[in-house]
C-alpha cells in the first residue's frame, strides 16, 4: 500500500517522528518504498512551536510542519499543497 501523505507526530515514544521520517527517507533512497514513484510527503504535526522546530523537521526529511491545535484552514492548505490521488499525473508541489 502506498500512502499519499503522512502526518507525523514528532514526539512519539520509542521512535520519535524525526527518526521515523529519517527511516522512511532512507528506505526510499534504497528503493524499498518508492517503487518508481515520488517520495511520500511527510508533514510534521506537533505542539512544539519553537522557532527551530521547522528546521529540525526539514533536516529529518519532512516536507512541511504544522502545529497543534490544528486549524481547519491549515489542514486544507496542506492537503491542497501536497495531497494527490493516483489518477493525477504529478503530485502538487513537485515538478516533472
N, C-alpha and C. Protein backbone atom coordinates (compact mmCIF):
# COMPACT_ATOMS: atom_id res chain seq x y z
N UNK A 1 0.84 -1.18 0.00
CA UNK A 1 0.00 0.00 0.00
C UNK A 1 0.88 1.24 0.00
N UNK A 2 0.51 2.18 -0.80
CA UNK A 2 1.24 3.46 -0.91
C UNK A 2 0.40 4.56 -0.30
N UNK A 3 0.98 5.30 0.63
CA UNK A 3 0.30 6.42 1.25
C UNK A 3 0.62 7.70 0.49
N UNK A 4 -0.39 8.56 0.34
CA UNK A 4 -0.20 9.81 -0.38
C UNK A 4 0.41 10.91 0.47
N UNK A 5 0.19 10.81 1.80
CA UNK A 5 0.67 11.84 2.70
C UNK A 5 0.69 11.26 4.11
N UNK A 6 1.73 11.59 4.85
CA UNK A 6 1.84 11.14 6.24
C UNK A 6 1.88 12.37 7.14
N UNK A 7 0.98 12.41 8.13
CA UNK A 7 1.08 13.40 9.19
C UNK A 7 1.87 12.74 10.31
N UNK A 8 3.05 13.29 10.61
CA UNK A 8 3.98 12.67 11.54
C UNK A 8 4.01 13.41 12.86
N UNK A 9 3.65 12.72 13.93
CA UNK A 9 3.78 13.27 15.28
C UNK A 9 5.27 13.27 15.62
N UNK A 10 5.80 14.37 16.05
CA UNK A 10 7.23 14.46 16.33
C UNK A 10 7.64 13.83 17.65
N UNK A 11 6.73 13.75 18.59
CA UNK A 11 7.09 13.28 19.93
C UNK A 11 6.35 11.99 20.27
N UNK A 12 6.77 10.90 19.65
CA UNK A 12 6.18 9.59 19.92
C UNK A 12 7.16 8.80 20.79
N UNK A 13 6.64 7.85 21.57
CA UNK A 13 7.53 7.01 22.37
C UNK A 13 8.30 6.04 21.47
N UNK A 14 9.39 5.55 21.95
CA UNK A 14 10.26 4.57 21.30
C UNK A 14 10.99 5.18 20.10
N UNK A 15 10.26 5.55 19.05
CA UNK A 15 10.87 6.17 17.86
C UNK A 15 10.11 7.45 17.59
N UNK A 16 10.77 8.59 17.76
CA UNK A 16 10.07 9.86 17.54
C UNK A 16 9.89 10.11 16.05
N UNK A 17 9.11 11.13 15.73
CA UNK A 17 8.80 11.44 14.34
C UNK A 17 10.01 11.81 13.50
N UNK A 18 11.00 12.41 14.13
CA UNK A 18 12.22 12.76 13.39
C UNK A 18 12.93 11.50 12.92
N UNK A 19 13.08 10.56 13.82
CA UNK A 19 13.72 9.29 13.48
C UNK A 19 12.90 8.48 12.49
N UNK A 20 11.59 8.49 12.65
CA UNK A 20 10.71 7.76 11.73
C UNK A 20 10.82 8.34 10.33
N UNK A 21 10.83 9.67 10.21
CA UNK A 21 10.96 10.31 8.90
C UNK A 21 12.30 9.96 8.26
N UNK A 22 13.36 9.96 9.06
CA UNK A 22 14.68 9.60 8.53
C UNK A 22 14.69 8.16 8.03
N UNK A 23 14.05 7.26 8.76
CA UNK A 23 13.99 5.85 8.33
C UNK A 23 13.20 5.70 7.03
N UNK A 24 12.09 6.42 6.92
CA UNK A 24 11.31 6.38 5.69
C UNK A 24 12.14 6.88 4.52
N UNK A 25 12.82 8.02 4.69
CA UNK A 25 13.65 8.56 3.59
C UNK A 25 14.80 7.62 3.25
N UNK A 26 15.38 6.97 4.24
CA UNK A 26 16.46 6.01 3.99
C UNK A 26 15.93 4.82 3.17
N UNK A 27 14.77 4.33 3.55
CA UNK A 27 14.18 3.20 2.81
C UNK A 27 13.82 3.61 1.38
N UNK A 28 13.32 4.83 1.21
CA UNK A 28 13.02 5.32 -0.14
C UNK A 28 14.28 5.43 -0.97
N UNK A 29 15.37 5.93 -0.37
CA UNK A 29 16.61 6.09 -1.12
C UNK A 29 17.20 4.75 -1.56
N UNK A 30 16.85 3.70 -0.85
CA UNK A 30 17.31 2.35 -1.20
C UNK A 30 16.34 1.64 -2.14
N UNK A 31 15.25 2.34 -2.51
CA UNK A 31 14.28 1.77 -3.43
C UNK A 31 13.33 0.78 -2.77
N UNK A 32 13.28 0.78 -1.45
CA UNK A 32 12.44 -0.19 -0.75
C UNK A 32 10.99 0.25 -0.63
N UNK A 33 10.71 1.53 -0.81
CA UNK A 33 9.34 2.03 -0.66
C UNK A 33 8.80 2.71 -1.89
N UNK A 34 9.64 3.41 -2.62
CA UNK A 34 9.14 4.31 -3.66
C UNK A 34 8.62 3.59 -4.90
N UNK A 35 9.20 2.47 -5.27
CA UNK A 35 8.78 1.70 -6.44
C UNK A 35 8.56 2.59 -7.65
N UNK A 36 9.50 3.51 -7.90
CA UNK A 36 9.45 4.38 -9.06
C UNK A 36 8.54 5.58 -8.91
N UNK A 37 7.97 5.76 -7.75
CA UNK A 37 7.09 6.90 -7.51
C UNK A 37 7.83 7.97 -6.72
N UNK A 38 7.32 9.20 -6.72
CA UNK A 38 7.98 10.25 -5.93
C UNK A 38 7.92 9.91 -4.44
N UNK A 39 8.84 10.45 -3.67
CA UNK A 39 8.83 10.20 -2.22
C UNK A 39 7.51 10.63 -1.60
N UNK A 40 7.09 9.90 -0.59
CA UNK A 40 5.87 10.24 0.13
C UNK A 40 6.05 11.58 0.84
N UNK A 41 5.00 12.36 0.87
CA UNK A 41 5.02 13.64 1.57
C UNK A 41 4.85 13.37 3.06
N UNK A 42 5.74 13.95 3.87
CA UNK A 42 5.66 13.83 5.32
C UNK A 42 5.51 15.23 5.89
N UNK A 43 4.44 15.43 6.65
CA UNK A 43 4.17 16.73 7.28
C UNK A 43 4.18 16.53 8.79
N UNK A 44 5.04 17.25 9.47
CA UNK A 44 5.10 17.18 10.92
C UNK A 44 3.84 17.79 11.51
N UNK A 45 3.31 17.14 12.53
CA UNK A 45 2.17 17.65 13.27
C UNK A 45 2.58 17.64 14.74
N UNK A 46 2.82 18.83 15.29
CA UNK A 46 3.39 18.90 16.63
C UNK A 46 2.86 20.09 17.41
N UNK A 47 2.89 19.97 18.71
CA UNK A 47 2.54 21.10 19.58
C UNK A 47 3.76 22.00 19.81
N UNK A 48 4.91 21.56 19.35
CA UNK A 48 6.16 22.30 19.54
C UNK A 48 6.25 23.43 18.53
N UNK A 49 6.01 24.65 18.98
CA UNK A 49 6.01 25.81 18.07
C UNK A 49 7.27 26.66 18.23
N UNK A 50 8.33 26.08 18.75
CA UNK A 50 9.57 26.83 18.91
C UNK A 50 10.18 27.13 17.54
N UNK A 51 10.90 28.23 17.42
CA UNK A 51 11.43 28.65 16.12
C UNK A 51 12.30 27.61 15.41
N UNK A 52 13.05 26.81 16.14
CA UNK A 52 13.97 25.86 15.50
C UNK A 52 13.30 24.55 15.07
N UNK A 53 12.04 24.35 15.45
CA UNK A 53 11.37 23.08 15.17
C UNK A 53 11.21 22.82 13.68
N UNK A 54 10.83 23.83 12.91
CA UNK A 54 10.69 23.65 11.46
C UNK A 54 12.00 23.13 10.84
N UNK A 55 13.11 23.71 11.25
CA UNK A 55 14.40 23.26 10.74
C UNK A 55 14.70 21.81 11.09
N UNK A 56 14.35 21.40 12.31
CA UNK A 56 14.54 20.01 12.72
C UNK A 56 13.70 19.07 11.85
N UNK A 57 12.49 19.50 11.56
CA UNK A 57 11.61 18.67 10.73
C UNK A 57 12.15 18.52 9.31
N UNK A 58 12.56 19.62 8.73
CA UNK A 58 13.11 19.58 7.37
C UNK A 58 14.41 18.78 7.34
N UNK A 59 15.25 18.96 8.34
CA UNK A 59 16.51 18.20 8.40
C UNK A 59 16.26 16.70 8.52
N UNK A 60 15.16 16.33 9.14
CA UNK A 60 14.82 14.91 9.30
C UNK A 60 14.19 14.33 8.04
N UNK A 61 13.90 15.19 7.06
CA UNK A 61 13.35 14.70 5.79
C UNK A 61 11.87 14.97 5.61
N UNK A 62 11.29 15.74 6.51
CA UNK A 62 9.87 16.07 6.36
C UNK A 62 9.71 17.23 5.38
N UNK A 63 8.58 17.27 4.71
CA UNK A 63 8.32 18.30 3.71
C UNK A 63 7.81 19.60 4.31
N UNK A 64 7.09 19.49 5.41
CA UNK A 64 6.47 20.68 5.97
C UNK A 64 6.19 20.43 7.44
N UNK A 65 5.61 21.44 8.09
CA UNK A 65 5.44 21.44 9.53
C UNK A 65 4.19 22.24 9.87
N UNK A 66 3.30 21.66 10.67
CA UNK A 66 2.15 22.41 11.17
C UNK A 66 2.03 22.14 12.67
N UNK A 67 1.46 23.11 13.36
CA UNK A 67 1.39 23.00 14.81
C UNK A 67 -0.04 22.73 15.29
N UNK A 68 -0.09 22.11 16.45
CA UNK A 68 -1.36 21.90 17.16
C UNK A 68 -1.60 23.13 18.02
N UNK A 69 -2.82 23.49 18.28
CA UNK A 69 -4.02 22.82 17.79
C UNK A 69 -4.20 23.03 16.30
N UNK A 70 -4.63 22.00 15.64
CA UNK A 70 -4.79 22.02 14.20
C UNK A 70 -6.01 22.84 13.82
N UNK A 71 -5.82 23.72 12.87
CA UNK A 71 -6.91 24.54 12.36
C UNK A 71 -7.35 24.00 11.00
N UNK A 72 -8.63 24.06 10.76
CA UNK A 72 -9.19 23.53 9.51
C UNK A 72 -8.52 24.18 8.29
N UNK A 73 -8.33 25.48 8.31
CA UNK A 73 -7.70 26.18 7.18
C UNK A 73 -6.27 25.71 6.95
N UNK A 74 -5.56 25.43 8.03
CA UNK A 74 -4.18 24.93 7.91
C UNK A 74 -4.17 23.55 7.28
N UNK A 75 -5.06 22.68 7.74
CA UNK A 75 -5.16 21.34 7.18
C UNK A 75 -5.53 21.40 5.70
N UNK A 76 -6.48 22.25 5.36
CA UNK A 76 -6.87 22.40 3.95
C UNK A 76 -5.69 22.88 3.12
N UNK A 77 -4.92 23.82 3.65
CA UNK A 77 -3.76 24.31 2.92
C UNK A 77 -2.73 23.22 2.65
N UNK A 78 -2.48 22.38 3.64
CA UNK A 78 -1.55 21.27 3.46
C UNK A 78 -2.08 20.28 2.42
N UNK A 79 -3.34 19.93 2.53
CA UNK A 79 -3.92 18.99 1.56
C UNK A 79 -3.92 19.57 0.15
N UNK A 80 -4.25 20.85 0.02
CA UNK A 80 -4.23 21.49 -1.29
C UNK A 80 -2.82 21.55 -1.88
N UNK A 81 -1.83 21.69 -1.02
CA UNK A 81 -0.44 21.79 -1.47
C UNK A 81 0.17 20.44 -1.84
N UNK A 82 -0.11 19.41 -1.04
CA UNK A 82 0.65 18.17 -1.17
C UNK A 82 -0.13 16.93 -1.57
N UNK A 83 -1.41 16.87 -1.28
CA UNK A 83 -2.12 15.60 -1.48
C UNK A 83 -2.60 15.46 -2.91
N UNK A 84 -2.47 14.25 -3.44
CA UNK A 84 -2.95 13.95 -4.78
C UNK A 84 -3.40 12.50 -4.82
N UNK A 85 -4.17 12.17 -5.82
CA UNK A 85 -4.63 10.79 -5.99
C UNK A 85 -3.80 10.11 -7.06
N UNK A 86 -3.91 8.81 -7.13
CA UNK A 86 -3.16 8.06 -8.15
C UNK A 86 -3.58 8.45 -9.57
N UNK A 87 -4.76 9.04 -9.73
CA UNK A 87 -5.23 9.44 -11.05
C UNK A 87 -4.50 10.68 -11.56
N UNK A 88 -3.93 11.45 -10.66
CA UNK A 88 -3.23 12.66 -11.06
C UNK A 88 -1.81 12.31 -11.51
N UNK A 89 -1.32 13.02 -12.50
CA UNK A 89 0.00 12.73 -13.06
C UNK A 89 1.14 13.17 -12.15
N UNK A 90 1.03 14.34 -11.59
CA UNK A 90 2.14 14.92 -10.82
C UNK A 90 1.63 15.39 -9.48
N UNK A 91 2.30 15.00 -8.39
CA UNK A 91 1.88 15.49 -7.09
C UNK A 91 2.00 17.01 -7.01
N UNK A 92 1.06 17.67 -6.34
CA UNK A 92 1.20 19.10 -6.11
C UNK A 92 2.51 19.40 -5.40
N UNK A 93 3.09 20.53 -5.68
CA UNK A 93 4.33 20.91 -5.01
C UNK A 93 5.58 20.28 -5.61
N UNK A 94 5.43 19.55 -6.72
CA UNK A 94 6.58 18.94 -7.37
C UNK A 94 6.60 19.35 -8.84
N UNK A 95 7.70 19.11 -9.49
CA UNK A 95 7.80 19.38 -10.92
C UNK A 95 8.22 18.11 -11.62
N UNK A 96 7.89 18.02 -12.90
CA UNK A 96 8.27 16.83 -13.68
C UNK A 96 9.51 17.08 -14.45
